Amino acid sequence: DTDRALVLLEEYCKKLRKPEEQQLKKAIRKVMGIFKSSLFQALLGSFTKKPTRYGPTYQPSSPVALACDVLGCPKD
């Protein structure tokens, strides 16, 4: 849920006060801006159940996964 993610990210950002945490805070605020954008909301709306000849498949709708794709998050 995007709204819940935004609330959690905002709470976390409030805890980031040290100078060395400011880069992380900036990155989190960038992700929050993406979550709030109309483009991102439209993309979320496009990830729905899609019929195939083998039955319905579900496209991923994780905002975090999509944000990582957009921002280029490191892979484990």
C-alpha atoms as a PDB file:
ATOM      1  CA  ASP A   1       0.000   0.000   0.000  1.00  0.00           C
ATOM      2  CA  THR A   2       1.573   3.236  -1.198  1.00  0.00           C
ATOM      3  CA  ASP A   3      -0.019   5.406   1.469  1.00  0.00           C
ATOM      4  CA  ARG A   4       1.324   3.185   4.243  1.00  0.00           C
ATOM      5  CA  ALA A   5       4.790   3.202   2.666  1.00  0.00           C
ATOM      6  CA  LEU A   6       4.733   7.003   2.545  1.00  0.00           C
ATOM      7  CA  VAL A   7       3.791   7.226   6.223  1.00  0.00           C
ATOM      8  CA  LEU A   8       6.594   4.838   7.199  1.00  0.00           C
ATOM      9  CA  LEU A   9       9.149   6.630   5.052  1.00  0.00           C
ATOM     10  CA  GLU A  10       8.150  10.002   6.510  1.00  0.00           C
ATOM     11  CA  GLU A  11       8.502   8.661  10.048  1.00  0.00           C
ATOM     12  CA  TYR A  12      11.914   7.235   9.212  1.00  0.00           C
ATOM     13  CA  CYS A  13      13.062  10.509   7.606  1.00  0.00           C
ATOM     14  CA  LYS A  14      12.240  12.404  10.794  1.00  0.00           C
ATOM     15  CA  LYS A  15      14.778  10.228  12.632  1.00  0.00           C
ATOM     16  CA  LEU A  16      17.602  11.010  10.193  1.00  0.00           C
ATOM     17  CA  ARG A  17      19.387  13.995  11.740  1.00  0.00           C
ATOM     18  CA  LYS A  18      23.107  13.249  11.595  1.00  0.00           C
ATOM     19  CA  PRO A  19      25.138  14.859   8.802  1.00  0.00           C
ATOM     20  CA  GLU A  20      26.144  11.452   7.426  1.00  0.00           C
ATOM     21  CA  GLU A  21      22.450  10.489   7.140  1.00  0.00           C
ATOM     22  CA  GLN A  22      21.478  13.443   4.953  1.00  0.00           C
ATOM     23  CA  GLN A  23      22.272  11.688   1.679  1.00  0.00           C
ATOM     24  CA  LEU A  24      19.988   8.820   2.691  1.00  0.00           C
ATOM     25  CA  LYS A  25      17.302  11.296   3.742  1.00  0.00           C
ATOM     26  CA  LYS A  26      17.535  13.012   0.350  1.00  0.00           C
ATOM     27  CA  ALA A  27      17.201   9.671  -1.466  1.00  0.00           C
ATOM     28  CA  ILE A  28      14.183   8.698   0.640  1.00  0.00           C
ATOM     29  CA  ARG A  29      12.521  12.032  -0.079  1.00  0.00           C
ATOM     30  CA  LYS A  30      13.121  11.415  -3.802  1.00  0.00           C
ATOM     31  CA  VAL A  31      11.386   8.029  -3.533  1.00  0.00           C
ATOM     32  CA  MET A  32       8.524   9.666  -1.635  1.00  0.00           C
ATOM     33  CA  GLY A  33       8.142  12.199  -4.441  1.00  0.00           C
ATOM     34  CA  ILE A  34       7.985   9.362  -6.958  1.00  0.00           C
ATOM     35  CA  PHE A  35       5.336   7.550  -4.895  1.00  0.00           C
ATOM     36  CA  LYS A  36       3.231  10.732  -4.852  1.00  0.00           C
ATOM     37  CA  SER A  37       3.548  11.406  -8.588  1.00  0.00           C
ATOM     38  CA  SER A  38       0.632  10.920 -10.926  1.00  0.00           C
ATOM     39  CA  LEU A  39       2.863   8.886 -13.261  1.00  0.00           C
ATOM     40  CA  PHE A  40       3.692   6.407 -10.499  1.00  0.00           C
ATOM     41  CA  GLN A  41       0.032   6.113  -9.516  1.00  0.00           C
ATOM     42  CA  ALA A  42      -0.868   5.459 -13.165  1.00  0.00           C
ATOM     43  CA  LEU A  43       1.816   2.779 -13.377  1.00  0.00           C
ATOM     44  CA  LEU A  44       0.436   1.109 -10.266  1.00  0.00           C
ATOM     45  CA  GLY A  45      -2.978   1.102 -11.874  1.00  0.00           C
ATOM     46  CA  SER A  46      -1.561  -0.693 -14.916  1.00  0.00           C
ATOM     47  CA  PHE A  47      -0.247  -3.630 -12.839  1.00  0.00           C
ATOM     48  CA  THR A  48      -3.384  -5.705 -12.728  1.00  0.00           C
ATOM     49  CA  LYS A  49      -4.501  -9.254 -13.372  1.00  0.00           C
ATOM     50  CA  LYS A  50      -3.792 -10.124 -17.009  1.00  0.00           C
ATOM     51  CA  PRO A  51      -5.433 -13.094 -18.724  1.00  0.00           C
ATOM     52  CA  THR A  52      -3.245 -15.599 -20.543  1.00  0.00           C
ATOM     53  CA  ARG A  53      -4.078 -18.833 -22.311  1.00  0.00           C
ATOM     54  CA  TYR A  54      -2.969 -20.645 -19.131  1.00  0.00           C
ATOM     55  CA  GLY A  55      -5.167 -18.592 -16.810  1.00  0.00           C
ATOM     56  CA  PRO A  56      -4.743 -15.223 -15.140  1.00  0.00           C
ATOM     57  CA  THR A  57      -1.293 -14.024 -14.167  1.00  0.00           C
ATOM     58  CA  TYR A  58      -0.514 -11.255 -11.770  1.00  0.00           C
ATOM     59  CA  GLN A  59       1.973  -8.524 -12.484  1.00  0.00           C
ATOM     60  CA  PRO A  60       4.009  -7.264  -9.531  1.00  0.00           C
ATOM     61  CA  SER A  61       2.572  -4.153  -7.930  1.00  0.00           C
ATOM     62  CA  SER A  62       5.154  -3.525  -5.237  1.00  0.00           C
ATOM     63  CA  PRO A  63       5.893   0.205  -5.114  1.00  0.00           C
ATOM     64  CA  VAL A  64       9.291  -0.533  -3.612  1.00  0.00           C
ATOM     65  CA  ALA A  65      10.234  -2.901  -6.441  1.00  0.00           C
ATOM     66  CA  LEU A  66       9.091  -0.397  -9.037  1.00  0.00           C
ATOM     67  CA  ALA A  67      10.925   2.457  -7.311  1.00  0.00           C
ATOM     68  CA  CYS A  68      14.098   0.370  -7.226  1.00  0.00           C
ATOM     69  CA  ASP A  69      13.736  -0.307 -10.942  1.00  0.00           C
ATOM     70  CA  VAL A  70      13.382   3.430 -11.570  1.00  0.00           C
ATOM     71  CA  LEU A  71      16.178   4.516  -9.212  1.00  0.00           C
ATOM     72  CA  GLY A  72      18.538   1.626  -9.900  1.00  0.00           C
ATOM     73  CA  CYS A  73      18.723   0.190  -6.385  1.00  0.00           C
ATOM     74  CA  PRO A  74      21.576  -2.247  -5.790  1.00  0.00           C
ATOM     75  CA  LYS A  75      20.750  -5.922  -6.175  1.00  0.00           C
ATOM     76  CA  ASP A  76      21.696  -8.448  -3.482  1.00  0.00           C
END
